C-alpha atoms as a PDB file:
ATOM      1  CA  UNK A   1       1.344   9.859   1.512  1.00  0.00           C
ATOM      2  CA  UNK A   2       2.861   6.788  -0.148  1.00  0.00           C
ATOM      3  CA  UNK A   3       0.569   7.238  -3.180  1.00  0.00           C
ATOM      4  CA  UNK A   4       1.921  10.781  -3.537  1.00  0.00           C
ATOM      5  CA  UNK A   5       5.527   9.526  -3.364  1.00  0.00           C
ATOM      6  CA  UNK A   6       4.696   6.971  -6.030  1.00  0.00           C
ATOM      7  CA  UNK A   7       3.104   9.666  -8.222  1.00  0.00           C
ATOM      8  CA  UNK A   8       6.033  12.070  -7.788  1.00  0.00           C
ATOM      9  CA  UNK A   9       8.544   9.371  -8.758  1.00  0.00           C
ATOM     10  CA  UNK A  10       6.363   7.593 -11.336  1.00  0.00           C
ATOM     11  CA  UNK A  11       8.678   8.177 -14.293  1.00  0.00           C
ATOM     12  CA  UNK A  12      12.159   6.707 -14.307  1.00  0.00           C
ATOM     13  CA  UNK A  13      12.162   5.381 -10.739  1.00  0.00           C
ATOM     14  CA  UNK A  14      11.513   2.115  -8.967  1.00  0.00           C
ATOM     15  CA  UNK A  15       9.357   2.876  -5.914  1.00  0.00           C
ATOM     16  CA  UNK A  16       9.068   0.346  -3.096  1.00  0.00           C
ATOM     17  CA  UNK A  17       7.395   0.497   0.287  1.00  0.00           C
ATOM     18  CA  UNK A  18       7.951  -1.332   3.558  1.00  0.00           C
ATOM     19  CA  UNK A  19      11.525  -2.626   3.169  1.00  0.00           C
ATOM     20  CA  UNK A  20      13.041  -4.247   6.261  1.00  0.00           C
ATOM     21  CA  UNK A  21      16.643  -3.585   7.309  1.00  0.00           C
ATOM     22  CA  UNK A  22      17.647  -7.249   7.079  1.00  0.00           C
ATOM     23  CA  UNK A  23      16.595 -10.471   5.373  1.00  0.00           C
ATOM     24  CA  UNK A  24      16.237 -12.320   8.648  1.00  0.00           C
ATOM     25  CA  UNK A  25      14.151 -12.558  11.780  1.00  0.00           C
ATOM     26  CA  UNK A  26      16.390 -10.029  13.526  1.00  0.00           C
ATOM     27  CA  UNK A  27      15.207  -7.192  11.236  1.00  0.00           C
ATOM     28  CA  UNK A  28      14.028  -4.450  13.575  1.00  0.00           C
ATOM     29  CA  UNK A  29      13.385  -1.457  11.311  1.00  0.00           C
ATOM     30  CA  UNK A  30      11.307  -0.763   8.223  1.00  0.00           C
ATOM     31  CA  UNK A  31      12.027   1.719   5.448  1.00  0.00           C
ATOM     32  CA  UNK A  32       8.664   3.382   4.804  1.00  0.00           C
ATOM     33  CA  UNK A  33       9.449   3.984   1.134  1.00  0.00           C
ATOM     34  CA  UNK A  34      12.300   4.360  -1.278  1.00  0.00           C
ATOM     35  CA  UNK A  35      12.648   5.580  -4.828  1.00  0.00           C
ATOM     36  CA  UNK A  36      15.652   4.479  -6.866  1.00  0.00           C
ATOM     37  CA  UNK A  37      16.507   6.243 -10.102  1.00  0.00           C
ATOM     38  CA  UNK A  38      16.297   3.510 -12.722  1.00  0.00           C
ATOM     39  CA  UNK A  39      17.914   5.373 -15.630  1.00  0.00           C
ATOM     40  CA  UNK A  40      21.397   6.849 -15.667  1.00  0.00           C
ATOM     41  CA  UNK A  41      20.003   9.979 -17.364  1.00  0.00           C
ATOM     42  CA  UNK A  42      17.830  10.620 -14.257  1.00  0.00           C
ATOM     43  CA  UNK A  43      20.661   9.811 -11.875  1.00  0.00           C
ATOM     44  CA  UNK A  44      21.014   6.406 -10.235  1.00  0.00           C
ATOM     45  CA  UNK A  45      20.212   7.884  -6.842  1.00  0.00           C
ATOM     46  CA  UNK A  46      18.412   6.342  -3.904  1.00  0.00           C
ATOM     47  CA  UNK A  47      15.855   8.517  -2.102  1.00  0.00           C
ATOM     48  CA  UNK A  48      14.647   7.206   1.254  1.00  0.00           C
ATOM     49  CA  UNK A  49      11.416   8.295   2.939  1.00  0.00           C
ATOM     50  CA  UNK A  50      10.087   8.297   6.456  1.00  0.00           C
ATOM     51  CA  UNK A  51       6.334   8.901   6.318  1.00  0.00           C
ATOM     52  CA  UNK A  52       4.759  10.817   9.188  1.00  0.00           C
ATOM     53  CA  UNK A  53       0.994  10.902   9.603  1.00  0.00           C
ATOM     54  CA  UNK A  54       0.661  12.734  12.909  1.00  0.00           C
ATOM     55  CA  UNK A  55       2.508  15.275  14.999  1.00  0.00           C
ATOM     56  CA  UNK A  56       3.000  12.717  17.802  1.00  0.00           C
ATOM     57  CA  UNK A  57       4.503  10.259  15.307  1.00  0.00           C
ATOM     58  CA  UNK A  58       6.984  12.961  14.237  1.00  0.00           C
ATOM     59  CA  UNK A  59       7.839  13.970  17.814  1.00  0.00           C
ATOM     60  CA  UNK A  60       8.648  10.320  18.637  1.00  0.00           C
ATOM     61  CA  UNK A  61      10.876  10.167  15.542  1.00  0.00           C
ATOM     62  CA  UNK A  62      13.000  13.176  16.470  1.00  0.00           C
ATOM     63  CA  UNK A  63      13.559  11.887  19.986  1.00  0.00           C
ATOM     64  CA  UNK A  64      15.892   9.307  18.429  1.00  0.00           C
ATOM     65  CA  UNK A  65      16.970  10.284  14.881  1.00  0.00           C
ATOM     66  CA  UNK A  66      19.580   7.496  14.941  1.00  0.00           C
ATOM     67  CA  UNK A  67      16.784   5.003  14.168  1.00  0.00           C
ATOM     68  CA  UNK A  68      16.247   6.667  10.789  1.00  0.00           C
ATOM     69  CA  UNK A  69      20.014   6.682  10.163  1.00  0.00           C
ATOM     70  CA  UNK A  70      19.757   2.878   9.835  1.00  0.00           C
ATOM     71  CA  UNK A  71      18.415   3.665   6.358  1.00  0.00           C
ATOM     72  CA  UNK A  72      19.381   7.302   5.746  1.00  0.00           C
ATOM     73  CA  UNK A  73      23.095   6.465   5.631  1.00  0.00           C
ATOM     74  CA  UNK A  74      22.407   4.284   2.573  1.00  0.00           C
ATOM     75  CA  UNK A  75      20.539   7.018   0.664  1.00  0.00           C
ATOM     76  CA  UNK A  76      21.675   9.871  -1.512  1.00  0.00           C
ATOM     77  CA  UNK A  77      18.750  11.880  -0.108  1.00  0.00           C
ATOM     78  CA  UNK A  78      16.696  11.309   3.045  1.00  0.00           C
ATOM     79  CA  UNK A  79      13.199  12.760   3.219  1.00  0.00           C
ATOM     80  CA  UNK A  80      10.377  13.146   5.670  1.00  0.00           C
ATOM     81  CA  UNK A  81       7.054  12.973   3.809  1.00  0.00           C
ATOM     82  CA  UNK A  82       4.097  14.284   5.778  1.00  0.00           C
ATOM     83  CA  UNK A  83       0.830  16.160   5.750  1.00  0.00           C
ATOM     84  CA  UNK A  84       1.169  19.932   6.186  1.00  0.00           C
ATOM     85  CA  UNK A  85       1.732  21.123   9.750  1.00  0.00           C
ATOM     86  CA  UNK A  86       3.176  17.894  11.149  1.00  0.00           C
ATOM     87  CA  UNK A  87       6.855  18.858  10.881  1.00  0.00           C
ATOM     88  CA  UNK A  88       8.383  22.236  11.668  1.00  0.00           C
ATOM     89  CA  UNK A  89      11.401  23.035   9.489  1.00  0.00           C
ATOM     90  CA  UNK A  90      13.558  23.993  12.462  1.00  0.00           C
ATOM     91  CA  UNK A  91      13.032  20.507  13.956  1.00  0.00           C
ATOM     92  CA  UNK A  92      14.562  18.648  11.003  1.00  0.00           C
ATOM     93  CA  UNK A  93      18.083  17.273  11.318  1.00  0.00           C
ATOM     94  CA  UNK A  94      20.443  19.249   9.076  1.00  0.00           C
ATOM     95  CA  UNK A  95      20.651  16.779   6.157  1.00  0.00           C
ATOM     96  CA  UNK A  96      16.995  15.683   6.048  1.00  0.00           C
ATOM     97  CA  UNK A  97      14.578  17.098   3.488  1.00  0.00           C
ATOM     98  CA  UNK A  98      10.857  17.684   3.931  1.00  0.00           C
ATOM     99  CA  UNK A  99       8.076  17.033   1.441  1.00  0.00           C
ATOM    100  CA  UNK A 100       4.494  17.863   2.325  1.00  0.00           C
ATOM    101  CA  UNK A 101       1.263  16.698   0.752  1.00  0.00           C
ATOM    102  CA  UNK A 102      -0.105  19.246  -1.711  1.00  0.00           C
ATOM    103  CA  UNK A 103      -3.145  18.044  -3.622  1.00  0.00           C
ATOM    104  CA  UNK A 104      -2.269  14.775  -5.332  1.00  0.00           C
ATOM    105  CA  UNK A 105       1.495  15.269  -5.096  1.00  0.00           C
ATOM    106  CA  UNK A 106       4.232  16.336  -2.698  1.00  0.00           C
ATOM    107  CA  UNK A 107       5.788  19.776  -2.461  1.00  0.00           C
ATOM    108  CA  UNK A 108       9.419  20.118  -1.367  1.00  0.00           C
ATOM    109  CA  UNK A 109       9.474  22.392   1.685  1.00  0.00           C
ATOM    110  CA  UNK A 110      13.192  21.872   2.254  1.00  0.00           C
ATOM    111  CA  UNK A 111      15.525  19.957  -0.059  1.00  0.00           C
ATOM    112  CA  UNK A 112      17.417  16.997   1.340  1.00  0.00           C
ATOM    113  CA  UNK A 113      21.196  17.252   1.370  1.00  0.00           C
ATOM    114  CA  UNK A 114      22.692  15.111  -1.380  1.00  0.00           C
ATOM    115  CA  UNK A 115      25.288  12.805   0.128  1.00  0.00           C
ATOM    116  CA  UNK A 116      27.564   9.930  -0.771  1.00  0.00           C
ATOM    117  CA  UNK A 117      25.768   6.914   0.737  1.00  0.00           C
ATOM    118  CA  UNK A 118      27.222   3.855   2.399  1.00  0.00           C
ATOM    119  CA  UNK A 119      26.813   0.630   0.464  1.00  0.00           C
ATOM    120  CA  UNK A 120      23.891  -1.594   1.373  1.00  0.00           C
ATOM    121  CA  UNK A 121      24.753  -4.689   3.369  1.00  0.00           C
ATOM    122  CA  UNK A 122      23.933  -7.949   1.573  1.00  0.00           C
ATOM    123  CA  UNK A 123      21.149  -8.762   4.009  1.00  0.00           C
ATOM    124  CA  UNK A 124      19.506  -5.362   3.473  1.00  0.00           C
ATOM    125  CA  UNK A 125      19.869  -5.703  -0.311  1.00  0.00           C
ATOM    126  CA  UNK A 126      18.221  -9.138  -0.127  1.00  0.00           C
ATOM    127  CA  UNK A 127      15.332  -7.688   1.915  1.00  0.00           C
ATOM    128  CA  UNK A 128      14.947  -4.875  -0.633  1.00  0.00           C
ATOM    129  CA  UNK A 129      14.914  -7.252  -3.602  1.00  0.00           C
ATOM    130  CA  UNK A 130      12.474  -9.605  -1.882  1.00  0.00           C
ATOM    131  CA  UNK A 131      10.083  -6.721  -1.152  1.00  0.00           C
ATOM    132  CA  UNK A 132      10.442  -5.430  -4.715  1.00  0.00           C
ATOM    133  CA  UNK A 133       9.518  -8.844  -6.071  1.00  0.00           C
ATOM    134  CA  UNK A 134       6.508  -9.064  -3.743  1.00  0.00           C
ATOM    135  CA  UNK A 135       5.237  -5.721  -5.040  1.00  0.00           C
ATOM    136  CA  UNK A 136       5.930  -6.263  -8.739  1.00  0.00           C
ATOM    137  CA  UNK A 137       3.393  -7.328 -11.338  1.00  0.00           C
ATOM    138  CA  UNK A 138       4.187 -10.450 -13.324  1.00  0.00           C
ATOM    139  CA  UNK A 139       3.712  -9.308 -16.932  1.00  0.00           C
ATOM    140  CA  UNK A 140       3.050 -12.829 -18.253  1.00  0.00           C
ATOM    141  CA  UNK A 141       0.305 -13.485 -15.690  1.00  0.00           C
ATOM    142  CA  UNK A 142      -1.186 -10.074 -16.383  1.00  0.00           C
ATOM    143  CA  UNK A 143      -1.281 -10.793 -20.125  1.00  0.00           C
ATOM    144  CA  UNK A 144      -2.889 -14.213 -19.521  1.00  0.00           C
ATOM    145  CA  UNK A 145      -5.570 -12.645 -17.313  1.00  0.00           C
ATOM    146  CA  UNK A 146      -6.232  -9.947 -19.925  1.00  0.00           C
ATOM    147  CA  UNK A 147      -6.624 -12.525 -22.709  1.00  0.00           C
ATOM    148  CA  UNK A 148      -8.898 -14.667 -20.524  1.00  0.00           C
ATOM    149  CA  UNK A 149     -11.081 -11.636 -19.750  1.00  0.00           C
ATOM    150  CA  UNK A 150     -11.113 -10.571 -23.389  1.00  0.00           C
ATOM    151  CA  UNK A 151     -12.230 -14.012 -24.575  1.00  0.00           C
ATOM    152  CA  UNK A 152     -14.867 -14.191 -21.836  1.00  0.00           C
ATOM    153  CA  UNK A 153     -16.229 -10.768 -22.797  1.00  0.00           C
ATOM    154  CA  UNK A 154     -16.199 -11.676 -26.493  1.00  0.00           C
ATOM    155  CA  UNK A 155     -18.183 -14.877 -25.802  1.00  0.00           C
ATOM    156  CA  UNK A 156     -20.699 -13.026 -23.613  1.00  0.00           C
ATOM    157  CA  UNK A 157     -21.135 -10.364 -26.319  1.00  0.00           C
ATOM    158  CA  UNK A 158     -21.705 -13.027 -28.947  1.00  0.00           C
ATOM    159  CA  UNK A 159     -24.323 -14.746 -26.774  1.00  0.00           C
ATOM    160  CA  UNK A 160     -26.090 -11.395 -26.199  1.00  0.00           C
ATOM    161  CA  UNK A 161     -26.054 -10.624 -29.928  1.00  0.00           C
ATOM    162  CA  UNK A 162     -27.564 -14.036 -30.762  1.00  0.00           C
ATOM    163  CA  UNK A 163     -30.305 -13.492 -28.181  1.00  0.00           C
ATOM    164  CA  UNK A 164     -31.154 -10.086 -29.695  1.00  0.00           C
ATOM    165  CA  UNK A 165     -31.198 -11.565 -33.211  1.00  0.00           C
ATOM    166  CA  UNK A 166     -33.531 -14.345 -32.069  1.00  0.00           C
ATOM    167  CA  UNK A 167     -35.942 -11.811 -30.519  1.00  0.00           C
ATOM    168  CA  UNK A 168     -35.897  -9.737 -33.695  1.00  0.00           C
ATOM    169  CA  UNK A 169     -36.801 -12.787 -35.822  1.00  0.00           C
ATOM    170  CA  UNK A 170     -39.683 -13.710 -33.540  1.00  0.00           C
END
């Protein structure tokens, strides 16, 4: 399901998974995923996601929706993302949206209510930034690895070509 969230929000959003609710040992909740609009033209909105993979997982969630509010109150839109058949629309709290897996993407079954979110606490922001950094790719390291691989491949190709030339001369 996370891969589908990432695909749906691939353009113009920062997508992060597994963000804790505090930057300390007393963190007791985890945001399954979030997508933050990264360009003003798209809207600088925060979408939060609770991923549900089984009906039992969903039924446990709705027994205490206040757990999700730990994060939902900080989001412009709060979504449940699940496989088809896990969540019944009439079970959703009034402001929550539902997206279901459909092929390689997610289909909106019910839109989330757009709301004015509460500001993130500093500890939650620190946890979010730490997780973002852990999941980001260092462009400089990536470029170094590419160049190293390119040079290695070029040398191997040259060696192969010399071996073929030697066989042809023999």
